[in-house]
N, C-alpha and C. Protein backbone atom coordinates (compact mmCIF):
# COMPACT_ATOMS: atom_id res chain seq x y z
N MET A 1 -18.80 6.34 34.31
CA MET A 1 -18.81 7.03 33.03
C MET A 1 -18.43 6.05 31.92
N GLU A 2 -19.19 6.10 30.85
CA GLU A 2 -18.96 5.21 29.73
C GLU A 2 -17.73 5.63 28.93
N LYS A 3 -16.94 4.65 28.54
CA LYS A 3 -15.75 4.93 27.73
C LYS A 3 -16.16 5.17 26.28
N PRO A 4 -15.41 5.99 25.57
CA PRO A 4 -15.66 6.10 24.12
C PRO A 4 -15.25 4.79 23.44
N THR A 5 -15.88 4.50 22.32
CA THR A 5 -15.55 3.28 21.58
C THR A 5 -14.48 3.57 20.55
N PHE A 6 -13.72 2.53 20.24
CA PHE A 6 -12.64 2.65 19.26
C PHE A 6 -12.68 1.39 18.41
N TYR A 7 -12.80 1.58 17.10
CA TYR A 7 -12.87 0.46 16.17
C TYR A 7 -11.46 0.04 15.78
N ILE A 8 -11.14 -1.22 16.00
CA ILE A 8 -9.83 -1.77 15.63
C ILE A 8 -9.95 -2.37 14.24
N GLU A 9 -9.24 -1.80 13.30
CA GLU A 9 -9.23 -2.34 11.95
C GLU A 9 -7.92 -3.09 11.73
N THR A 10 -7.81 -3.73 10.60
CA THR A 10 -6.69 -4.63 10.34
C THR A 10 -5.33 -3.95 10.42
N SER A 11 -5.23 -2.70 10.01
CA SER A 11 -3.92 -2.05 10.05
C SER A 11 -3.39 -1.91 11.47
N VAL A 12 -4.26 -1.75 12.45
CA VAL A 12 -3.81 -1.66 13.84
C VAL A 12 -3.13 -2.97 14.24
N VAL A 13 -3.78 -4.09 13.95
CA VAL A 13 -3.22 -5.40 14.26
C VAL A 13 -1.91 -5.60 13.49
N SER A 14 -1.90 -5.20 12.26
CA SER A 14 -0.70 -5.35 11.43
C SER A 14 0.47 -4.57 12.00
N TYR A 15 0.25 -3.31 12.35
CA TYR A 15 1.34 -2.51 12.91
C TYR A 15 1.84 -3.07 14.23
N LEU A 16 0.94 -3.67 15.01
CA LEU A 16 1.34 -4.23 16.31
C LEU A 16 2.14 -5.52 16.18
N THR A 17 1.88 -6.31 15.16
CA THR A 17 2.47 -7.64 15.08
C THR A 17 3.58 -7.79 14.05
N ALA A 18 3.71 -6.83 13.16
CA ALA A 18 4.71 -6.96 12.10
C ALA A 18 6.12 -6.71 12.63
N ARG A 19 7.07 -7.28 11.92
CA ARG A 19 8.48 -6.99 12.22
C ARG A 19 8.72 -5.51 11.94
N SER A 20 9.70 -4.94 12.61
CA SER A 20 10.03 -3.52 12.37
C SER A 20 10.34 -3.31 10.89
N HIS A 21 9.76 -2.27 10.36
CA HIS A 21 9.88 -1.99 8.93
C HIS A 21 11.05 -1.06 8.68
N ARG A 22 11.68 -1.21 7.52
CA ARG A 22 12.82 -0.36 7.17
C ARG A 22 12.39 1.02 6.70
N ASP A 23 11.17 1.11 6.15
CA ASP A 23 10.63 2.39 5.70
C ASP A 23 10.33 3.24 6.94
N LEU A 24 10.88 4.44 6.99
CA LEU A 24 10.76 5.29 8.17
C LEU A 24 9.31 5.65 8.49
N VAL A 25 8.51 5.90 7.48
CA VAL A 25 7.10 6.26 7.72
C VAL A 25 6.35 5.08 8.34
N ILE A 26 6.51 3.91 7.76
CA ILE A 26 5.83 2.73 8.29
C ILE A 26 6.34 2.39 9.69
N ALA A 27 7.65 2.50 9.90
CA ALA A 27 8.22 2.24 11.22
C ALA A 27 7.65 3.22 12.25
N THR A 28 7.44 4.45 11.83
CA THR A 28 6.84 5.45 12.73
C THR A 28 5.40 5.07 13.08
N TYR A 29 4.63 4.64 12.08
CA TYR A 29 3.26 4.19 12.35
C TYR A 29 3.26 3.00 13.31
N GLN A 30 4.20 2.09 13.12
CA GLN A 30 4.30 0.95 14.02
C GLN A 30 4.57 1.40 15.46
N GLN A 31 5.50 2.32 15.62
CA GLN A 31 5.86 2.80 16.95
C GLN A 31 4.71 3.56 17.60
N LEU A 32 4.07 4.41 16.85
CA LEU A 32 2.93 5.17 17.40
C LEU A 32 1.78 4.25 17.80
N THR A 33 1.53 3.23 16.97
CA THR A 33 0.48 2.27 17.28
C THR A 33 0.82 1.50 18.55
N LEU A 34 2.06 1.07 18.68
CA LEU A 34 2.48 0.35 19.87
C LEU A 34 2.36 1.22 21.12
N GLU A 35 2.75 2.48 21.02
CA GLU A 35 2.64 3.39 22.16
C GLU A 35 1.17 3.59 22.55
N TRP A 36 0.30 3.79 21.54
CA TRP A 36 -1.13 3.95 21.84
C TRP A 36 -1.67 2.69 22.50
N TRP A 37 -1.34 1.52 21.94
CA TRP A 37 -1.83 0.25 22.46
C TRP A 37 -1.37 0.04 23.90
N THR A 38 -0.14 0.40 24.18
CA THR A 38 0.44 0.20 25.51
C THR A 38 -0.12 1.17 26.54
N HIS A 39 -0.32 2.42 26.15
CA HIS A 39 -0.63 3.46 27.13
C HIS A 39 -2.06 4.00 27.09
N SER A 40 -2.78 3.82 26.00
CA SER A 40 -4.08 4.50 25.88
C SER A 40 -5.27 3.60 25.62
N ARG A 41 -5.05 2.39 25.18
CA ARG A 41 -6.20 1.55 24.79
C ARG A 41 -7.15 1.28 25.94
N GLN A 42 -6.66 1.31 27.17
CA GLN A 42 -7.51 1.04 28.32
C GLN A 42 -8.58 2.12 28.50
N GLU A 43 -8.40 3.25 27.86
CA GLU A 43 -9.36 4.35 27.97
C GLU A 43 -10.56 4.18 27.04
N PHE A 44 -10.56 3.12 26.24
CA PHE A 44 -11.60 2.92 25.23
C PHE A 44 -12.22 1.54 25.35
N ASP A 45 -13.46 1.43 24.90
CA ASP A 45 -14.08 0.13 24.66
C ASP A 45 -13.72 -0.24 23.23
N LEU A 46 -12.93 -1.28 23.07
CA LEU A 46 -12.45 -1.67 21.74
C LEU A 46 -13.40 -2.67 21.11
N TYR A 47 -13.56 -2.55 19.81
CA TYR A 47 -14.36 -3.53 19.08
C TYR A 47 -13.83 -3.65 17.67
N THR A 48 -14.17 -4.74 17.02
CA THR A 48 -13.77 -4.98 15.65
C THR A 48 -14.88 -5.79 14.97
N SER A 49 -14.68 -6.12 13.73
CA SER A 49 -15.70 -6.87 13.00
C SER A 49 -15.19 -8.27 12.68
N PRO A 50 -16.10 -9.18 12.40
CA PRO A 50 -15.67 -10.53 11.98
C PRO A 50 -14.80 -10.48 10.73
N LEU A 51 -15.04 -9.52 9.84
CA LEU A 51 -14.23 -9.40 8.63
C LEU A 51 -12.77 -9.09 8.98
N VAL A 52 -12.54 -8.22 9.95
CA VAL A 52 -11.18 -7.90 10.37
C VAL A 52 -10.51 -9.14 10.96
N ILE A 53 -11.23 -9.89 11.76
CA ILE A 53 -10.67 -11.11 12.35
C ILE A 53 -10.31 -12.11 11.25
N GLU A 54 -11.18 -12.24 10.27
CA GLU A 54 -10.90 -13.14 9.14
C GLU A 54 -9.68 -12.66 8.36
N GLU A 55 -9.64 -11.38 8.05
CA GLU A 55 -8.52 -10.84 7.28
C GLU A 55 -7.21 -10.98 8.05
N ALA A 56 -7.20 -10.68 9.33
CA ALA A 56 -5.99 -10.80 10.13
C ALA A 56 -5.54 -12.26 10.23
N GLY A 57 -6.48 -13.17 10.24
CA GLY A 57 -6.17 -14.58 10.31
C GLY A 57 -5.48 -15.11 9.06
N ARG A 58 -5.56 -14.39 7.98
CA ARG A 58 -4.89 -14.78 6.74
C ARG A 58 -3.47 -14.25 6.67
N GLY A 59 -3.02 -13.56 7.71
CA GLY A 59 -1.69 -12.96 7.70
C GLY A 59 -0.59 -13.99 7.72
N GLU A 60 0.62 -13.50 7.62
CA GLU A 60 1.79 -14.37 7.60
C GLU A 60 2.04 -14.94 9.00
N PRO A 61 2.06 -16.26 9.12
CA PRO A 61 2.34 -16.84 10.43
C PRO A 61 3.79 -16.58 10.84
N THR A 62 4.01 -16.47 12.13
CA THR A 62 5.38 -16.27 12.61
C THR A 62 6.11 -17.61 12.60
N SER A 63 7.40 -17.53 12.41
CA SER A 63 8.20 -18.75 12.47
C SER A 63 8.90 -18.80 13.81
N GLY A 64 8.95 -19.92 14.41
CA GLY A 64 9.52 -20.03 15.73
C GLY A 64 10.74 -20.81 15.68
């Protein structure tokens, strides 16, 4: 059986990679996105666009 497709846009990547936010609404979005990514993404064929990859690549690099 074919999986449904799910389009990954920049906000998904942002919520997954950003530091925990102090704003409760944004922190909730981050947590919900992480839970979906961890537990449900395998149920979908994920795809994105070159524009999303370009936009995400302009994000703030992490410091190590």
